[in-house]
Protein backbone atom coordinates (compact mmCIF):
# COMPACT_ATOMS: atom_id res chain seq x y z
CA MET A 1 -0.04 0.02 -0.04
CA LYS A 2 1.33 3.43 -1.14
CA PHE A 3 0.22 6.26 0.99
CA HIS A 4 1.22 9.76 0.32
CA ASN A 5 4.08 11.46 2.24
CA PRO A 6 2.61 13.78 4.86
CA VAL A 7 2.00 17.19 3.57
CA LEU A 8 3.48 20.21 5.52
CA LEU A 9 4.40 17.85 8.18
CA ASN A 10 6.66 20.06 10.41
CA GLU A 11 4.40 23.03 9.86
CA CYS A 12 1.35 21.01 11.12
CA ILE A 13 3.24 19.70 14.14
CA GLN A 14 4.57 23.14 14.99
CA GLY A 15 1.01 24.60 14.52
CA LEU A 16 -0.51 22.11 17.06
CA SER A 17 1.87 23.51 19.75
CA ILE A 18 1.86 19.98 21.44
CA LYS A 19 1.60 19.65 25.16
CA PRO A 20 3.24 16.22 26.09
CA LYS A 21 0.38 15.26 28.44
CA GLY A 22 -2.47 16.71 26.22
CA THR A 23 -5.16 14.99 24.18
CA TYR A 24 -5.02 15.18 20.38
CA VAL A 25 -7.03 14.07 17.32
CA ASP A 26 -5.83 13.32 13.86
CA VAL A 27 -9.08 13.04 11.85
CA THR A 28 -7.40 12.06 8.57
CA PHE A 29 -5.03 9.21 9.64
CA GLY A 30 -4.42 7.61 6.17
CA GLY A 31 -0.79 6.22 6.17
CA GLY A 32 -0.18 7.49 9.78
CA GLY A 33 2.58 9.94 8.95
CA HIS A 34 1.15 13.02 10.84
CA SER A 35 0.00 10.69 13.76
CA ARG A 36 3.49 9.06 14.09
CA LEU A 37 5.09 12.42 14.74
CA ILE A 38 2.27 13.80 17.02
CA LEU A 39 2.68 10.58 19.17
CA SER A 40 6.44 11.01 19.37
CA LYS A 41 5.87 14.42 21.05
CA LEU A 42 3.55 12.98 23.61
CA ASP A 43 4.61 11.77 27.16
CA GLY A 44 1.53 10.51 28.87
CA GLY A 45 -0.71 12.21 26.42
CA LYS A 46 -3.38 10.67 24.16
CA LEU A 47 -3.84 10.58 20.42
CA PHE A 48 -7.03 9.46 18.69
CA ALA A 49 -7.20 9.02 14.91
CA PHE A 50 -10.10 8.72 12.48
CA ASP A 51 -10.16 7.26 9.07
CA GLN A 52 -13.33 5.75 7.31
CA ASP A 53 -11.27 3.67 4.75
CA HIS A 54 -10.94 0.18 6.29
CA ILE A 55 -7.52 -0.31 4.63
CA THR A 56 -5.92 2.15 7.07
CA ILE A 57 -6.44 -0.33 9.88
CA ASN A 58 -3.25 -1.94 8.54
CA ASN A 59 -1.30 1.15 9.48
CA ASP A 60 -2.37 1.03 13.24
CA LEU A 61 0.44 2.49 15.25
CA LYS A 62 -0.30 -0.14 18.03
CA HIS A 63 0.68 2.18 20.93
CA PRO A 64 -0.87 2.23 24.30
CA ASN A 65 -1.65 5.98 24.11
CA PHE A 66 -3.05 5.72 20.60
CA LYS A 67 -6.39 4.64 19.25
CA LEU A 68 -7.54 4.41 15.66
CA ILE A 69 -11.13 4.76 15.00
CA ASN A 70 -12.55 3.38 11.66
CA SER A 71 -15.27 6.07 11.10
CA ASN A 72 -16.00 9.23 9.26
CA PHE A 73 -14.65 12.29 11.03
CA ARG A 74 -18.25 13.81 11.06
CA TYR A 75 -18.80 11.38 14.15
CA LEU A 76 -15.90 12.79 15.98
CA LYS A 77 -17.68 14.06 18.96
CA ASN A 78 -19.83 10.88 19.33
CA PHE A 79 -16.78 8.43 19.28
CA LEU A 80 -14.72 10.63 21.61
CA GLU A 81 -17.59 10.59 24.12
CA MET A 82 -17.57 6.86 24.01
CA GLU A 83 -13.86 7.14 25.04
CA GLU A 84 -14.93 9.51 27.87
CA VAL A 85 -13.14 12.35 26.11
CA THR A 86 -15.05 15.66 26.29
CA LYS A 87 -12.11 18.09 25.75
CA ILE A 88 -9.09 18.10 23.48
CA ASP A 89 -5.93 20.10 23.10
CA GLY A 90 -5.50 20.09 19.29
CA LEU A 91 -7.02 18.58 16.12
CA LEU A 92 -5.33 18.06 12.77
CA ALA A 93 -7.24 17.55 9.53
CA ASP A 94 -5.41 16.83 6.22
CA LEU A 95 -8.32 16.95 3.78
CA GLY A 96 -8.49 15.37 0.46
CA VAL A 97 -8.03 11.85 -1.16
CA SER A 98 -4.93 9.83 -0.23
CA SER A 99 -2.39 8.60 -2.80
CA TYR A 100 -3.47 5.03 -2.05
CA GLN A 101 -7.06 5.74 -3.15
CA PHE A 102 -5.94 7.53 -6.26
CA ASP A 103 -3.59 4.82 -7.21
CA VAL A 104 -5.90 1.87 -7.00
CA PRO A 105 -7.84 1.82 -10.26
CA GLU A 106 -10.86 0.00 -9.08
CA ARG A 107 -11.58 2.76 -6.49
CA GLY A 108 -12.41 4.99 -9.52
CA PHE A 109 -11.06 8.19 -7.99
CA SER A 110 -8.46 8.90 -10.59
CA THR A 111 -8.71 10.35 -14.14
CA ARG A 112 -5.53 8.69 -14.96
CA HIS A 113 -6.67 4.98 -14.54
CA GLU A 114 -9.60 3.01 -15.95
CA GLY A 115 -11.74 1.70 -13.07
CA ARG A 116 -15.39 1.17 -12.30
CA LEU A 117 -17.37 4.28 -11.22
CA ASP A 118 -17.09 3.97 -7.56
CA MET A 119 -15.39 6.78 -5.67
CA ARG A 120 -16.66 5.70 -2.25
CA MET A 121 -14.20 6.48 0.55
CA TYR A 122 -16.18 4.02 2.90
CA GLU A 123 -16.61 1.04 0.76
CA ASN A 124 -19.89 -0.05 2.48
CA SER A 125 -21.63 3.22 1.46
CA THR A 126 -24.80 2.65 -0.62
CA LEU A 127 -24.27 5.61 -2.92
CA SER A 128 -21.47 5.25 -5.58
CA ALA A 129 -20.26 7.33 -8.52
CA ASP A 130 -22.15 4.72 -10.84
CA ASP A 131 -25.43 5.73 -9.13
CA VAL A 132 -24.79 9.54 -9.53
CA ILE A 133 -23.76 9.28 -13.10
CA ASN A 134 -26.53 6.82 -14.30
CA GLU A 135 -29.47 7.58 -11.96
CA TYR A 136 -29.33 11.41 -11.08
CA SER A 137 -31.57 13.73 -13.05
CA GLU A 138 -30.01 16.11 -15.57
CA ASP A 139 -30.77 19.12 -13.22
CA ASP A 140 -29.28 17.30 -10.15
CA LEU A 141 -26.24 16.49 -12.19
CA ALA A 142 -25.77 19.96 -13.42
CA ASN A 143 -26.34 21.44 -9.93
CA LEU A 144 -23.67 19.25 -8.18
CA LEU A 145 -21.09 19.85 -11.05
CA TYR A 146 -21.64 23.60 -10.65
CA ARG A 147 -21.61 23.57 -6.90
CA TYR A 148 -18.75 21.08 -6.03
CA GLY A 149 -16.72 21.39 -9.37
CA GLU A 150 -17.31 25.12 -10.02
CA LEU A 151 -17.84 24.19 -13.64
CA ARG A 152 -19.49 26.96 -15.60
CA ASN A 153 -20.55 24.68 -18.50
CA SER A 154 -22.26 22.25 -15.89
CA ARG A 155 -25.54 22.13 -17.71
CA LYS A 156 -23.89 21.09 -20.98
CA ILE A 157 -21.82 18.43 -19.30
CA ALA A 158 -24.94 16.97 -17.55
CA LYS A 159 -26.91 17.02 -20.74
CA ASN A 160 -24.07 15.02 -22.56
CA ILE A 161 -23.95 12.49 -19.72
CA VAL A 162 -27.79 11.99 -19.83
CA ILE A 163 -27.74 11.60 -23.63
CA ALA A 164 -24.95 9.19 -23.56
CA ARG A 165 -26.42 6.97 -20.80
CA LYS A 166 -29.72 6.43 -22.81
CA ASN A 167 -27.72 4.39 -25.31
CA SER A 168 -25.64 2.52 -22.87
CA ARG A 169 -24.94 2.65 -19.11
CA LEU A 170 -21.71 4.47 -18.12
CA ASN A 171 -19.79 1.79 -16.08
CA THR A 172 -16.20 2.99 -15.92
CA THR A 173 -14.09 6.14 -15.65
CA THR A 174 -13.12 5.74 -19.25
CA ASP A 175 -16.77 5.65 -20.27
CA LEU A 176 -17.32 8.93 -18.40
CA LYS A 177 -14.27 10.59 -19.72
CA SER A 178 -15.06 9.70 -23.31
CA VAL A 179 -18.43 11.52 -22.94
CA ILE A 180 -17.18 14.67 -21.24
CA VAL A 181 -13.65 15.24 -22.56
CA ARG A 182 -14.86 16.99 -25.94
CA LEU A 183 -16.31 19.73 -23.64
CA ALA A 184 -12.97 20.46 -22.02
CA PRO A 185 -10.85 23.35 -23.15
CA GLU A 186 -7.80 21.81 -24.67
CA ARG A 187 -5.36 23.79 -22.54
CA TYR A 188 -7.19 22.94 -19.36
CA ARG A 189 -8.11 19.39 -20.14
CA ASN A 190 -6.63 17.72 -17.03
CA GLN A 191 -8.03 20.39 -14.77
CA PHE A 192 -11.40 20.20 -16.24
CA LEU A 193 -11.52 16.35 -15.83
CA ALA A 194 -10.24 16.67 -12.22
CA ARG A 195 -12.99 19.01 -11.39
CA VAL A 196 -15.64 16.85 -12.76
CA PHE A 197 -14.35 13.93 -10.75
CA GLN A 198 -13.97 16.13 -7.73
CA ALA A 199 -17.70 17.12 -7.87
CA ILE A 200 -18.82 13.41 -8.13
CA ARG A 201 -16.65 12.29 -5.43
CA ILE A 202 -17.84 15.11 -3.05
CA GLU A 203 -21.40 14.00 -3.71
CA VAL A 204 -20.82 10.43 -3.28
CA ASN A 205 -18.97 10.97 0.05
CA ASP A 206 -21.06 14.04 1.33
CA GLU A 207 -17.77 15.66 2.00
CA ILE A 208 -19.04 19.16 2.54
CA SER A 209 -21.55 18.31 5.11
CA ALA A 210 -19.12 16.02 6.91
CA LEU A 211 -16.46 18.77 6.95
CA GLU A 212 -18.99 21.29 8.35
CA GLU A 213 -19.99 18.92 11.24
CA MET A 214 -16.41 18.10 12.04
CA LEU A 215 -15.31 21.70 12.10
CA LEU A 216 -18.21 22.74 14.46
CA SER A 217 -17.41 19.76 16.76
CA ALA A 218 -13.78 20.55 16.79
CA VAL A 219 -14.32 24.14 17.95
CA GLU A 220 -16.66 22.94 20.68
CA LEU A 221 -14.23 20.19 21.86
CA LEU A 222 -11.15 22.36 22.00
CA ASN A 223 -9.76 23.64 25.42
CA PRO A 224 -8.83 27.15 25.70
CA ALA A 225 -5.55 27.65 23.74
CA GLY A 226 -6.20 24.35 21.92
CA ARG A 227 -5.31 24.41 18.24
CA LEU A 228 -7.27 23.60 15.09
CA VAL A 229 -4.80 22.68 12.11
CA VAL A 230 -6.36 22.14 8.77
CA ILE A 231 -4.90 21.41 5.27
CA SER A 232 -7.33 22.02 2.47
CA TYR A 233 -6.87 21.32 -1.28
CA HIS A 234 -9.67 23.09 -2.98
CA SER A 235 -11.60 26.29 -2.56
CA LEU A 236 -14.80 24.72 -1.16
CA GLU A 237 -12.99 23.29 1.76
CA ASP A 238 -10.63 26.27 2.28
CA ARG A 239 -13.62 28.69 2.37
CA LEU A 240 -15.27 26.74 5.19
CA VAL A 241 -12.00 26.62 7.17
CA LYS A 242 -11.34 30.26 6.58
CA ASN A 243 -14.69 31.30 7.60
CA ILE A 244 -14.76 29.56 10.82
CA MET A 245 -11.28 30.66 11.79
CA LYS A 246 -11.80 34.38 10.65
CA LYS A 247 -15.49 34.88 11.45
CA GLY A 248 -16.40 32.14 13.78
CA SER A 249 -19.10 30.76 11.50
CA LEU A 250 -19.29 28.40 8.53
CA SER A 251 -21.33 31.01 6.47
CA GLY A 252 -18.47 33.68 7.07
CA ILE A 253 -20.96 36.11 8.77
CA LEU A 254 -19.41 37.44 11.96
CA GLN A 255 -21.87 37.37 14.90
CA LYS A 256 -21.78 40.09 17.51
CA ASP A 257 -23.13 40.47 20.99
CA PHE A 258 -25.57 43.20 22.28
CA PHE A 259 -22.72 45.62 22.70
CA GLY A 260 -21.34 44.98 19.18
CA ASN A 261 -18.37 42.78 20.30
CA PRO A 262 -17.48 39.95 17.96
CA LEU A 263 -18.59 36.45 18.96
CA LYS A 264 -15.86 34.17 17.81
CA THR A 265 -14.12 31.54 19.72
CA LEU A 266 -11.04 31.12 17.54
CA LYS A 267 -8.20 33.49 16.66
CA GLU A 268 -5.98 32.92 13.60
CA ILE A 269 -2.35 31.93 14.29
CA ASN A 270 -1.38 32.39 10.66
CA ARG A 271 -3.20 35.40 9.12
CA LYS A 272 -1.52 34.50 5.84
CA VAL A 273 -2.18 30.99 4.54
CA ILE A 274 0.82 28.57 4.70
CA VAL A 275 1.67 26.89 1.46
CA PRO A 276 4.32 24.18 0.70
CA SER A 277 7.78 25.13 -0.52
CA GLN A 278 8.84 24.50 -4.17
CA TYR A 279 11.09 21.71 -2.85
CA GLU A 280 8.18 19.98 -1.09
CA ILE A 281 6.04 20.27 -4.18
CA LYS A 282 8.83 18.82 -6.29
CA GLU A 283 9.12 15.95 -3.81
CA ASN A 284 5.34 15.41 -3.35
CA SER A 285 3.19 16.68 -6.24
CA ARG A 286 0.05 16.22 -3.95
CA ALA A 287 1.23 19.25 -2.03
CA ARG A 288 0.91 21.52 -4.93
CA SER A 289 -2.65 22.89 -4.05
CA ALA A 290 -2.35 22.50 -0.25
CA LYS A 291 -3.24 25.34 2.01
CA LEU A 292 -2.61 25.31 5.75
CA ARG A 293 -4.70 27.35 8.25
CA ILE A 294 -4.22 27.32 12.04
CA GLY A 295 -6.61 28.56 14.65
CA GLU A 296 -6.41 28.68 18.50
CA LYS A 297 -9.41 28.40 20.80
CA ILE A 298 -9.78 31.93 22.77
CA TYR A 299 -12.51 30.77 25.24
CA ASP A 300 -15.10 28.13 25.94
């Protein structure tokens, strides 16, 4: 199993400002790279990690102060309550799809490989990319392509998919690409295909709602001076992270009390977003679009 090298590893660990006896959560365990370094900084502290992909169980760190929870991070609060954890000192989220998921053709995540239209991060989920492409109405397809892929020609893409599937069901990533590739601007073909696949993947895994739930839970769980450290890879994710750190709400609307004082529980540690160095991007192409934001809990 090939998992990606951890993106912005040292910057994330510094951002967490780890207390040796603190309680921390890595909600995107993957290959365990971030978790491994967090655990090395603890002395009596605890680390809980989440990943809904069952394959990550093989990377369990098997340490008395570590627990891997095979679940979507939207259920963060529920599972921590089961562990009798009501407060944490830091949470790390490295959002996006792992190299392993991209590199296994049958998972259907990659535009580079032929595979069945799947894209499920949790393999027992009932909804797959096949269902979205072959069963969704033209309007629903157009809406999700516009909302999650930010594709201006989403209606034309949806129309072409619906026309094509009337003749024959679209079963593979190659089937889908053959229908939509002619709509891609030649200079931006790879980017166009990536955005179409991104939109479908987000729909299949309900990624935006899950992220919203996790961020709200994280803010609630953090102790004062606790840190929220998040790496995002596209504008939809980054907008939510930025909103909750800058404005204290997912909507980006700053709430104020009766006297006009801002009601926000986080302060930004890095006012300017942190991005990987050119060296890191060269060594790990996945880091190219990464944006790191760090927030600190002000009060409960």
